[in-house]
PDB file of N, CA and C in Angstrom:
ATOM      1  N   MET A   1       0.850  -1.178   0.000  1.00  0.00           N
ATOM      2  CA  MET A   1       0.000   0.000   0.000  1.00  0.00           C
ATOM      3  C   MET A   1       0.892   1.235   0.000  1.00  0.00           C
ATOM      4  N   ASP A   2       0.566   2.169  -0.866  1.00  0.00           N
ATOM      5  CA  ASP A   2       1.294   3.427  -0.975  1.00  0.00           C
ATOM      6  C   ASP A   2       0.564   4.483  -0.143  1.00  0.00           C
ATOM      7  N   ILE A   3       1.277   5.116   0.787  1.00  0.00           N
ATOM      8  CA  ILE A   3       0.673   6.120   1.662  1.00  0.00           C
ATOM      9  C   ILE A   3       1.338   7.465   1.396  1.00  0.00           C
ATOM     10  N   ASP A   4       0.521   8.465   1.060  1.00  0.00           N
ATOM     11  CA  ASP A   4       1.005   9.817   0.800  1.00  0.00           C
ATOM     12  C   ASP A   4       0.378  10.751   1.833  1.00  0.00           C
ATOM     13  N   ILE A   5       1.213  11.375   2.664  1.00  0.00           N
ATOM     14  CA  ILE A   5       0.726  12.264   3.718  1.00  0.00           C
ATOM     15  C   ILE A   5       1.143  13.693   3.380  1.00  0.00           C
ATOM     16  N   GLN A   6       0.148  14.593   3.346  1.00  0.00           N
ATOM     17  CA  GLN A   6       0.419  15.992   3.039  1.00  0.00           C
ATOM     18  C   GLN A   6      -0.114  16.875   4.159  1.00  0.00           C
ATOM     19  N   SER A   7       0.752  17.742   4.655  1.00  0.00           N
ATOM     20  CA  SER A   7       0.367  18.716   5.675  1.00  0.00           C
ATOM     21  C   SER A   7       0.117  20.043   4.983  1.00  0.00           C
ATOM     22  N   VAL A   8      -1.080  20.572   5.130  1.00  0.00           N
ATOM     23  CA  VAL A   8      -1.457  21.812   4.458  1.00  0.00           C
ATOM     24  C   VAL A   8      -1.293  22.977   5.438  1.00  0.00           C
ATOM     25  N   GLY A   9      -0.367  23.869   5.146  1.00  0.00           N
ATOM     26  CA  GLY A   9      -0.179  25.062   5.954  1.00  0.00           C
ATOM     27  C   GLY A   9       0.745  24.905   7.150  1.00  0.00           C
ATOM     28  N   PHE A  10       1.339  23.753   7.324  1.00  0.00           N
ATOM     29  CA  PHE A  10       2.291  23.528   8.413  1.00  0.00           C
ATOM     30  C   PHE A  10       3.127  22.309   8.059  1.00  0.00           C
ATOM     31  N   SER A  11       4.169  22.059   8.837  1.00  0.00           N
ATOM     32  CA  SER A  11       4.974  20.856   8.611  1.00  0.00           C
ATOM     33  C   SER A  11       4.770  19.910   9.790  1.00  0.00           C
ATOM     34  N   SER A  12       4.444  18.676   9.479  1.00  0.00           N
ATOM     35  CA  SER A  12       4.176  17.691  10.532  1.00  0.00           C
ATOM     36  C   SER A  12       5.476  17.006  10.936  1.00  0.00           C
ATOM     37  N   ASP A  13       5.532  16.579  12.187  1.00  0.00           N
ATOM     38  CA  ASP A  13       6.732  15.910  12.670  1.00  0.00           C
ATOM     39  C   ASP A  13       6.686  14.417  12.324  1.00  0.00           C
ATOM     40  N   GLN A  14       7.832  13.779  12.413  1.00  0.00           N
ATOM     41  CA  GLN A  14       7.966  12.372  12.041  1.00  0.00           C
ATOM     42  C   GLN A  14       7.136  11.466  12.942  1.00  0.00           C
ATOM     43  N   LYS A  15       6.968  11.852  14.194  1.00  0.00           N
ATOM     44  CA  LYS A  15       6.177  11.052  15.133  1.00  0.00           C
ATOM     45  C   LYS A  15       4.723  10.939  14.657  1.00  0.00           C
ATOM     46  N   LEU A  16       4.150  12.035  14.194  1.00  0.00           N
ATOM     47  CA  LEU A  16       2.776  12.034  13.681  1.00  0.00           C
ATOM     48  C   LEU A  16       2.675  11.207  12.403  1.00  0.00           C
ATOM     49  N   ILE A  17       3.638  11.346  11.517  1.00  0.00           N
ATOM     50  CA  ILE A  17       3.639  10.583  10.268  1.00  0.00           C
ATOM     51  C   ILE A  17       3.725   9.088  10.558  1.00  0.00           C
ATOM     52  N   ASN A  18       4.588   8.705  11.492  1.00  0.00           N
ATOM     53  CA  ASN A  18       4.701   7.292  11.869  1.00  0.00           C
ATOM     54  C   ASN A  18       3.399   6.777  12.469  1.00  0.00           C
ATOM     55  N   PHE A  19       2.742   7.594  13.288  1.00  0.00           N
ATOM     56  CA  PHE A  19       1.466   7.212  13.900  1.00  0.00           C
ATOM     57  C   PHE A  19       0.412   6.948  12.824  1.00  0.00           C
ATOM     58  N   ILE A  20       0.317   7.840  11.854  1.00  0.00           N
ATOM     59  CA  ILE A  20      -0.667   7.694  10.776  1.00  0.00           C
ATOM     60  C   ILE A  20      -0.366   6.449   9.945  1.00  0.00           C
ATOM     61  N   ASN A  21       0.901   6.248   9.590  1.00  0.00           N
ATOM     62  CA  ASN A  21       1.282   5.057   8.823  1.00  0.00           C
ATOM     63  C   ASN A  21       0.919   3.780   9.563  1.00  0.00           C
ATOM     64  N   GLU A  22       1.191   3.758  10.857  1.00  0.00           N
ATOM     65  CA  GLU A  22       0.899   2.577  11.680  1.00  0.00           C
ATOM     66  C   GLU A  22      -0.600   2.269  11.685  1.00  0.00           C
ATOM     67  N   LYS A  23      -1.422   3.295  11.856  1.00  0.00           N
ATOM     68  CA  LYS A  23      -2.879   3.096  11.886  1.00  0.00           C
ATOM     69  C   LYS A  23      -3.408   2.626  10.532  1.00  0.00           C
ATOM     70  N   LEU A  24      -2.896   3.194   9.449  1.00  0.00           N
ATOM     71  CA  LEU A  24      -3.367   2.802   8.123  1.00  0.00           C
ATOM     72  C   LEU A  24      -2.925   1.388   7.759  1.00  0.00           C
ATOM     73  N   GLU A  25      -1.730   0.999   8.170  1.00  0.00           N
ATOM     74  CA  GLU A  25      -1.244  -0.354   7.879  1.00  0.00           C
ATOM     75  C   GLU A  25      -2.122  -1.412   8.537  1.00  0.00           C
ATOM     76  N   LYS A  26      -2.728  -1.084   9.663  1.00  0.00           N
ATOM     77  CA  LYS A  26      -3.601  -2.042  10.347  1.00  0.00           C
ATOM     78  C   LYS A  26      -4.843  -2.372   9.523  1.00  0.00           C
ATOM     79  N   LEU A  27      -5.225  -1.489   8.606  1.00  0.00           N
ATOM     80  CA  LEU A  27      -6.397  -1.744   7.772  1.00  0.00           C
ATOM     81  C   LEU A  27      -6.172  -2.902   6.802  1.00  0.00           C
ATOM     82  N   THR A  28      -4.916  -3.250   6.541  1.00  0.00           N
ATOM     83  CA  THR A  28      -4.646  -4.374   5.644  1.00  0.00           C
ATOM     84  C   THR A  28      -5.074  -5.703   6.260  1.00  0.00           C
ATOM     85  N   HIS A  29      -5.321  -5.737   7.560  1.00  0.00           N
ATOM     86  CA  HIS A  29      -5.846  -6.952   8.194  1.00  0.00           C
ATOM     87  C   HIS A  29      -7.278  -7.216   7.744  1.00  0.00           C
ATOM     88  N   PHE A  30      -7.993  -6.157   7.385  1.00  0.00           N
ATOM     89  CA  PHE A  30      -9.389  -6.285   6.980  1.00  0.00           C
ATOM     90  C   PHE A  30      -9.543  -6.443   5.472  1.00  0.00           C
ATOM     91  N   PHE A  31      -8.620  -5.855   4.702  1.00  0.00           N
ATOM     92  CA  PHE A  31      -8.714  -5.905   3.242  1.00  0.00           C
ATOM     93  C   PHE A  31      -7.300  -5.844   2.673  1.00  0.00           C
ATOM     94  N   ASP A  32      -6.911  -6.880   1.940  1.00  0.00           N
ATOM     95  CA  ASP A  32      -5.533  -6.992   1.441  1.00  0.00           C
ATOM     96  C   ASP A  32      -5.221  -6.068   0.269  1.00  0.00           C
ATOM     97  N   ASN A  33      -6.218  -5.778  -0.546  1.00  0.00           N
ATOM     98  CA  ASN A  33      -5.977  -5.116  -1.822  1.00  0.00           C
ATOM     99  C   ASN A  33      -6.064  -3.594  -1.768  1.00  0.00           C
ATOM    100  N   ILE A  34      -5.637  -2.996  -0.698  1.00  0.00           N
ATOM    101  CA  ILE A  34      -5.620  -1.531  -0.634  1.00  0.00           C
ATOM    102  C   ILE A  34      -4.475  -1.043  -1.518  1.00  0.00           C
ATOM    103  N   VAL A  35      -4.805  -0.213  -2.497  1.00  0.00           N
ATOM    104  CA  VAL A  35      -3.809   0.250  -3.457  1.00  0.00           C
ATOM    105  C   VAL A  35      -3.019   1.422  -2.886  1.00  0.00           C
ATOM    106  N   ALA A  36      -3.729   2.457  -2.430  1.00  0.00           N
ATOM    107  CA  ALA A  36      -3.057   3.670  -1.961  1.00  0.00           C
ATOM    108  C   ALA A  36      -3.953   4.450  -1.017  1.00  0.00           C
ATOM    109  N   CYS A  37      -3.319   5.277  -0.203  1.00  0.00           N
ATOM    110  CA  CYS A  37      -4.036   6.189   0.689  1.00  0.00           C
ATOM    111  C   CYS A  37      -3.418   7.578   0.547  1.00  0.00           C
ATOM    112  N   GLU A  38      -4.280   8.572   0.446  1.00  0.00           N
ATOM    113  CA  GLU A  38      -3.844   9.964   0.465  1.00  0.00           C
ATOM    114  C   GLU A  38      -4.388  10.588   1.739  1.00  0.00           C
ATOM    115  N   VAL A  39      -3.504  11.166   2.537  1.00  0.00           N
ATOM    116  CA  VAL A  39      -3.891  11.756   3.815  1.00  0.00           C
ATOM    117  C   VAL A  39      -3.584  13.248   3.765  1.00  0.00           C
ATOM    118  N   TYR A  40      -4.582  14.053   4.117  1.00  0.00           N
ATOM    119  CA  TYR A  40      -4.412  15.504   4.177  1.00  0.00           C
ATOM    120  C   TYR A  40      -4.635  15.957   5.612  1.00  0.00           C
ATOM    121  N   LEU A  41      -3.657  16.667   6.153  1.00  0.00           N
ATOM    122  CA  LEU A  41      -3.737  17.212   7.510  1.00  0.00           C
ATOM    123  C   LEU A  41      -3.899  18.720   7.400  1.00  0.00           C
ATOM    124  N   ARG A  42      -4.917  19.246   8.073  1.00  0.00           N
ATOM    125  CA  ARG A  42      -5.174  20.689   8.018  1.00  0.00           C
ATOM    126  C   ARG A  42      -5.452  21.218   9.416  1.00  0.00           C
ATOM    127  N   VAL A  43      -5.012  22.453   9.655  1.00  0.00           N
ATOM    128  CA  VAL A  43      -5.393  23.174  10.860  1.00  0.00           C
ATOM    129  C   VAL A  43      -6.380  24.237  10.406  1.00  0.00           C
ATOM    130  N   GLU A  44      -7.606  24.115  10.883  1.00  0.00           N
ATOM    131  CA  GLU A  44      -8.639  25.088  10.518  1.00  0.00           C
ATOM    132  C   GLU A  44      -8.401  26.359  11.333  1.00  0.00           C
ATOM    133  N   ARG A  45      -9.404  27.070  11.721  1.00  0.00           N
ATOM    134  CA  ARG A  45      -9.229  28.294  12.520  1.00  0.00           C
ATOM    135  C   ARG A  45      -8.528  27.949  13.839  1.00  0.00           C
ATOM    136  N   LYS A  46      -7.469  28.653  14.129  1.00  0.00           N
ATOM    137  CA  LYS A  46      -6.677  28.344  15.317  1.00  0.00           C
ATOM    138  C   LYS A  46      -7.340  28.781  16.611  1.00  0.00           C
ATOM    139  N   SER A  47      -8.375  29.592  16.537  1.00  0.00           N
ATOM    140  CA  SER A  47      -8.998  30.133  17.745  1.00  0.00           C
ATOM    141  C   SER A  47     -10.083  29.231  18.322  1.00  0.00           C
ATOM    142  N   VAL A  48     -10.424  28.144  17.656  1.00  0.00           N
ATOM    143  CA  VAL A  48     -11.500  27.274  18.134  1.00  0.00           C
ATOM    144  C   VAL A  48     -10.954  25.889  18.458  1.00  0.00           C
ATOM    145  N   GLN A  49     -11.707  25.168  19.303  1.00  0.00           N
ATOM    146  CA  GLN A  49     -11.346  23.782  19.583  1.00  0.00           C
ATOM    147  C   GLN A  49     -11.736  22.922  18.396  1.00  0.00           C
ATOM    148  N   ASP A  50     -11.290  21.683  18.411  1.00  0.00           N
ATOM    149  CA  ASP A  50     -11.567  20.748  17.319  1.00  0.00           C
ATOM    150  C   ASP A  50     -11.171  21.345  15.971  1.00  0.00           C
ATOM    151  N   ASN A  51      -9.960  21.913  15.915  1.00  0.00           N
ATOM    152  CA  ASN A  51      -9.543  22.585  14.688  1.00  0.00           C
ATOM    153  C   ASN A  51      -8.566  21.764  13.849  1.00  0.00           C
ATOM    154  N   LYS A  52      -8.293  20.528  14.238  1.00  0.00           N
ATOM    155  CA  LYS A  52      -7.391  19.661  13.482  1.00  0.00           C
ATOM    156  C   LYS A  52      -8.227  18.727  12.610  1.00  0.00           C
ATOM    157  N   THR A  53      -8.015  18.776  11.304  1.00  0.00           N
ATOM    158  CA  THR A  53      -8.794  17.978  10.365  1.00  0.00           C
ATOM    159  C   THR A  53      -7.894  16.968   9.668  1.00  0.00           C
ATOM    160  N   VAL A  54      -8.370  15.729   9.606  1.00  0.00           N
ATOM    161  CA  VAL A  54      -7.687  14.666   8.876  1.00  0.00           C
ATOM    162  C   VAL A  54      -8.642  14.154   7.809  1.00  0.00           C
ATOM    163  N   GLU A  55      -8.197  14.169   6.567  1.00  0.00           N
ATOM    164  CA  GLU A  55      -8.963  13.614   5.448  1.00  0.00           C
ATOM    165  C   GLU A  55      -8.164  12.459   4.868  1.00  0.00           C
ATOM    166  N   ILE A  56      -8.811  11.315   4.697  1.00  0.00           N
ATOM    167  CA  ILE A  56      -8.141  10.147   4.130  1.00  0.00           C
ATOM    168  C   ILE A  56      -8.945   9.660   2.932  1.00  0.00           C
ATOM    169  N   LYS A  57      -8.281   9.582   1.795  1.00  0.00           N
ATOM    170  CA  LYS A  57      -8.883   9.014   0.584  1.00  0.00           C
ATOM    171  C   LYS A  57      -8.163   7.697   0.316  1.00  0.00           C
ATOM    172  N   MET A  58      -8.916   6.610   0.275  1.00  0.00           N
ATOM    173  CA  MET A  58      -8.338   5.284   0.102  1.00  0.00           C
ATOM    174  C   MET A  58      -8.787   4.692  -1.227  1.00  0.00           C
ATOM    175  N   ASN A  59      -7.827   4.215  -1.993  1.00  0.00           N
ATOM    176  CA  ASN A  59      -8.121   3.577  -3.274  1.00  0.00           C
ATOM    177  C   ASN A  59      -8.068   2.065  -3.106  1.00  0.00           C
ATOM    178  N   ILE A  60      -9.181   1.414  -3.422  1.00  0.00           N
ATOM    179  CA  ILE A  60      -9.225  -0.040  -3.461  1.00  0.00           C
ATOM    180  C   ILE A  60      -9.786  -0.421  -4.827  1.00  0.00           C
ATOM    181  N   PRO A  61      -9.529  -1.624  -5.299  1.00  0.00           N
ATOM    182  CA  PRO A  61     -10.019  -2.004  -6.630  1.00  0.00           C
ATOM    183  C   PRO A  61     -11.532  -1.826  -6.750  1.00  0.00           C
ATOM    184  N   GLY A  62     -11.941  -1.010  -7.709  1.00  0.00           N
ATOM    185  CA  GLY A  62     -13.354  -0.810  -7.983  1.00  0.00           C
ATOM    186  C   GLY A  62     -14.036   0.276  -7.183  1.00  0.00           C
ATOM    187  N   LYS A  63     -13.325   0.906  -6.240  1.00  0.00           N
ATOM    188  CA  LYS A  63     -13.995   1.891  -5.396  1.00  0.00           C
ATOM    189  C   LYS A  63     -12.967   2.792  -4.710  1.00  0.00           C
ATOM    190  N   ASP A  64     -13.384   4.020  -4.421  1.00  0.00           N
ATOM    191  CA  ASP A  64     -12.599   4.938  -3.594  1.00  0.00           C
ATOM    192  C   ASP A  64     -13.375   5.178  -2.310  1.00  0.00           C
ATOM    193  N   LEU A  65     -12.699   5.072  -1.187  1.00  0.00           N
ATOM    194  CA  LEU A  65     -13.319   5.320   0.114  1.00  0.00           C
ATOM    195  C   LEU A  65     -12.773   6.631   0.655  1.00  0.00           C
ATOM    196  N   PHE A  66     -13.589   7.339   1.449  1.00  0.00           N
ATOM    197  CA  PHE A  66     -13.186   8.643   1.956  1.00  0.00           C
ATOM    198  C   PHE A  66     -13.692   8.824   3.379  1.00  0.00           C
ATOM    199  N   ALA A  67     -12.849   9.412   4.228  1.00  0.00           N
ATOM    200  CA  ALA A  67     -13.256   9.756   5.589  1.00  0.00           C
ATOM    201  C   ALA A  67     -12.620  11.089   5.957  1.00  0.00           C
ATOM    202  N   LYS A  68     -13.395  11.922   6.632  1.00  0.00           N
ATOM    203  CA  LYS A  68     -12.910  13.228   7.093  1.00  0.00           C
ATOM    204  C   LYS A  68     -13.373  13.407   8.530  1.00  0.00           C
ATOM    205  N   LYS A  69     -12.427  13.659   9.428  1.00  0.00           N
ATOM    206  CA  LYS A  69     -12.750  13.848  10.841  1.00  0.00           C
ATOM    207  C   LYS A  69     -12.029  15.076  11.365  1.00  0.00           C
ATOM    208  N   GLN A  70     -12.680  15.758  12.306  1.00  0.00           N
ATOM    209  CA  GLN A  70     -12.137  16.975  12.901  1.00  0.00           C
ATOM    210  C   GLN A  70     -12.169  16.817  14.414  1.00  0.00           C
ATOM    211  N   CYS A  71     -11.008  16.992  15.071  1.00  0.00           N
ATOM    212  CA  CYS A  71     -10.892  16.788  16.520  1.00  0.00           C
ATOM    213  C   CYS A  71      -9.890  17.782  17.110  1.00  0.00           C
ATOM    214  N   ASP A  72      -9.624  17.610  18.421  1.00  0.00           N
ATOM    215  CA  ASP A  72      -8.647  18.453  19.116  1.00  0.00           C
ATOM    216  C   ASP A  72      -7.214  18.167  18.678  1.00  0.00           C
ATOM    217  N   SER A  73      -6.924  16.906  18.333  1.00  0.00           N
ATOM    218  CA  SER A  73      -5.564  16.532  17.945  1.00  0.00           C
ATOM    219  C   SER A  73      -5.602  15.721  16.656  1.00  0.00           C
ATOM    220  N   PHE A  74      -4.486  15.722  15.951  1.00  0.00           N
ATOM    221  CA  PHE A  74      -4.403  14.937  14.723  1.00  0.00           C
ATOM    222  C   PHE A  74      -4.481  13.445  15.020  1.00  0.00           C
ATOM    223  N   GLU A  75      -3.923  13.028  16.150  1.00  0.00           N
ATOM    224  CA  GLU A  75      -3.965  11.609  16.509  1.00  0.00           C
ATOM    225  C   GLU A  75      -5.400  11.139  16.710  1.00  0.00           C
ATOM    226  N   GLU A  76      -6.173  11.927  17.442  1.00  0.00           N
ATOM    227  CA  GLU A  76      -7.574  11.574  17.695  1.00  0.00           C
ATOM    228  C   GLU A  76      -8.379  11.553  16.390  1.00  0.00           C
ATOM    229  N   ALA A  77      -8.160  12.542  15.539  1.00  0.00           N
ATOM    230  CA  ALA A  77      -8.863  12.599  14.255  1.00  0.00           C
ATOM    231  C   ALA A  77      -8.454  11.432  13.360  1.00  0.00           C
ATOM    232  N   THR A  78      -7.185  11.045  13.414  1.00  0.00           N
ATOM    233  CA  THR A  78      -6.711   9.907  12.627  1.00  0.00           C
ATOM    234  C   THR A  78      -7.385   8.624  13.071  1.00  0.00           C
ATOM    235  N   VAL A  79      -7.457   8.411  14.380  1.00  0.00           N
ATOM    236  CA  VAL A  79      -8.102   7.201  14.908  1.00  0.00           C
ATOM    237  C   VAL A  79      -9.554   7.135  14.451  1.00  0.00           C
ATOM    238  N   GLU A  80     -10.267   8.242  14.536  1.00  0.00           N
ATOM    239  CA  GLU A  80     -11.677   8.263  14.132  1.00  0.00           C
ATOM    240  C   GLU A  80     -11.837   8.051  12.627  1.00  0.00           C
ATOM    241  N   ALA A  81     -10.966   8.656  11.823  1.00  0.00           N
ATOM    242  CA  ALA A  81     -11.053   8.498  10.368  1.00  0.00           C
ATOM    243  C   ALA A  81     -10.729   7.066   9.950  1.00  0.00           C
ATOM    244  N   VAL A  82      -9.728   6.473  10.579  1.00  0.00           N
ATOM    245  CA  VAL A  82      -9.370   5.086  10.261  1.00  0.00           C
ATOM    246  C   VAL A  82     -10.500   4.146  10.657  1.00  0.00           C
ATOM    247  N   GLU A  83     -11.140   4.412  11.777  1.00  0.00           N
ATOM    248  CA  GLU A  83     -12.284   3.590  12.197  1.00  0.00           C
ATOM    249  C   GLU A  83     -13.429   3.712  11.192  1.00  0.00           C
ATOM    250  N   ALA A  84     -13.673   4.914  10.695  1.00  0.00           N
ATOM    251  CA  ALA A  84     -14.716   5.107   9.680  1.00  0.00           C
ATOM    252  C   ALA A  84     -14.370   4.342   8.405  1.00  0.00           C
ATOM    253  N   LEU A  85     -13.102   4.351   8.014  1.00  0.00           N
ATOM    254  CA  LEU A  85     -12.681   3.597   6.830  1.00  0.00           C
ATOM    255  C   LEU A  85     -12.804   2.097   7.056  1.00  0.00           C
ATOM    256  N   ARG A  86     -12.495   1.650   8.261  1.00  0.00           N
ATOM    257  CA  ARG A  86     -12.624   0.219   8.574  1.00  0.00           C
ATOM    258  C   ARG A  86     -14.067  -0.237   8.376  1.00  0.00           C
ATOM    259  N   LYS A  87     -15.005   0.567   8.836  1.00  0.00           N
ATOM    260  CA  LYS A  87     -16.424   0.237   8.662  1.00  0.00           C
ATOM    261  C   LYS A  87     -16.799   0.209   7.184  1.00  0.00           C
ATOM    262  N   GLN A  88     -16.293   1.170   6.418  1.00  0.00           N
ATOM    263  CA  GLN A  88     -16.578   1.202   4.984  1.00  0.00           C
ATOM    264  C   GLN A  88     -15.981  -0.011   4.275  1.00  0.00           C
ATOM    265  N   ILE A  89     -14.777  -0.410   4.685  1.00  0.00           N
ATOM    266  CA  ILE A  89     -14.129  -1.588   4.097  1.00  0.00           C
ATOM    267  C   ILE A  89     -14.951  -2.836   4.371  1.00  0.00           C
ATOM    268  N   LYS A  90     -15.391  -2.998   5.609  1.00  0.00           N
ATOM    269  CA  LYS A  90     -16.189  -4.177   5.954  1.00  0.00           C
ATOM    270  C   LYS A  90     -17.491  -4.201   5.163  1.00  0.00           C
ATOM    271  N   LYS A  91     -18.110  -3.047   4.990  1.00  0.00           N
ATOM    272  CA  LYS A  91     -19.351  -2.961   4.222  1.00  0.00           C
ATOM    273  C   LYS A  91     -19.093  -3.318   2.754  1.00  0.00           C
ATOM    274  N   HIS A  92     -18.032  -2.773   2.183  1.00  0.00           N
ATOM    275  CA  HIS A  92     -17.678  -3.056   0.790  1.00  0.00           C
ATOM    276  C   HIS A  92     -17.328  -4.529   0.613  1.00  0.00           C
ATOM    277  N   LYS A  93     -16.572  -5.067   1.541  1.00  0.00           N
ATOM    278  CA  LYS A  93     -16.166  -6.468   1.462  1.00  0.00           C
ATOM    279  C   LYS A  93     -17.389  -7.383   1.526  1.00  0.00           C
ATOM    280  N   GLY A  94     -18.367  -7.028   2.351  1.00  0.00           N
ATOM    281  CA  GLY A  94     -19.600  -7.801   2.441  1.00  0.00           C
ATOM    282  C   GLY A  94     -20.365  -7.796   1.130  1.00  0.00           C
ATOM    283  N   LYS A  95     -20.396  -6.647   0.461  1.00  0.00           N
ATOM    284  CA  LYS A  95     -21.083  -6.548  -0.830  1.00  0.00           C
ATOM    285  C   LYS A  95     -20.361  -7.366  -1.898  1.00  0.00           C
ATOM    286  N   VAL A  96     -19.038  -7.321  -1.897  1.00  0.00           N
ATOM    287  CA  VAL A  96     -18.251  -8.052  -2.891  1.00  0.00           C
ATOM    288  C   VAL A  96     -18.404  -9.555  -2.685  1.00  0.00           C
ATOM    289  N   MET A  97     -18.397  -9.993  -1.438  1.00  0.00           N
ATOM    290  CA  MET A  97     -18.529 -11.425  -1.138  1.00  0.00           C
ATOM    291  C   MET A  97     -19.920 -11.935  -1.493  1.00  0.00           C
ATOM    292  N   ALA A  98     -20.936 -11.072  -1.403  1.00  0.00           N
ATOM    293  CA  ALA A  98     -22.308 -11.486  -1.682  1.00  0.00           C
ATOM    294  C   ALA A  98     -22.546 -11.691  -3.178  1.00  0.00           C
ATOM    295  N   VAL A  99     -21.735 -11.047  -3.989  1.00  0.00           N
ATOM    296  CA  VAL A  99     -21.926 -11.136  -5.450  1.00  0.00           C
ATOM    297  C   VAL A  99     -21.362 -12.393  -6.010  1.00  0.00           C
TER     298      VAL A  99
END
């Protein structure tokens, strides 16, 4: 799986990048054929809480999956976005197996 992480408007540290890679790699336990993931990290308005946004676009054969979560920290938003993708993968896998 090819993972591309882009920080919009700031530079992310290696610890955050490693955390995101680790969480995304765990999704291969649910679906082997993940082609690529594009991750966008954004800081929205700095004056409000829940201003860290993580968007993940995942390419799998025959479909693109997408999750966007906004939280207090990038780690928390990543966990929530990966969980949303896991649910989408399970749903897609169920449809493919039924056919």
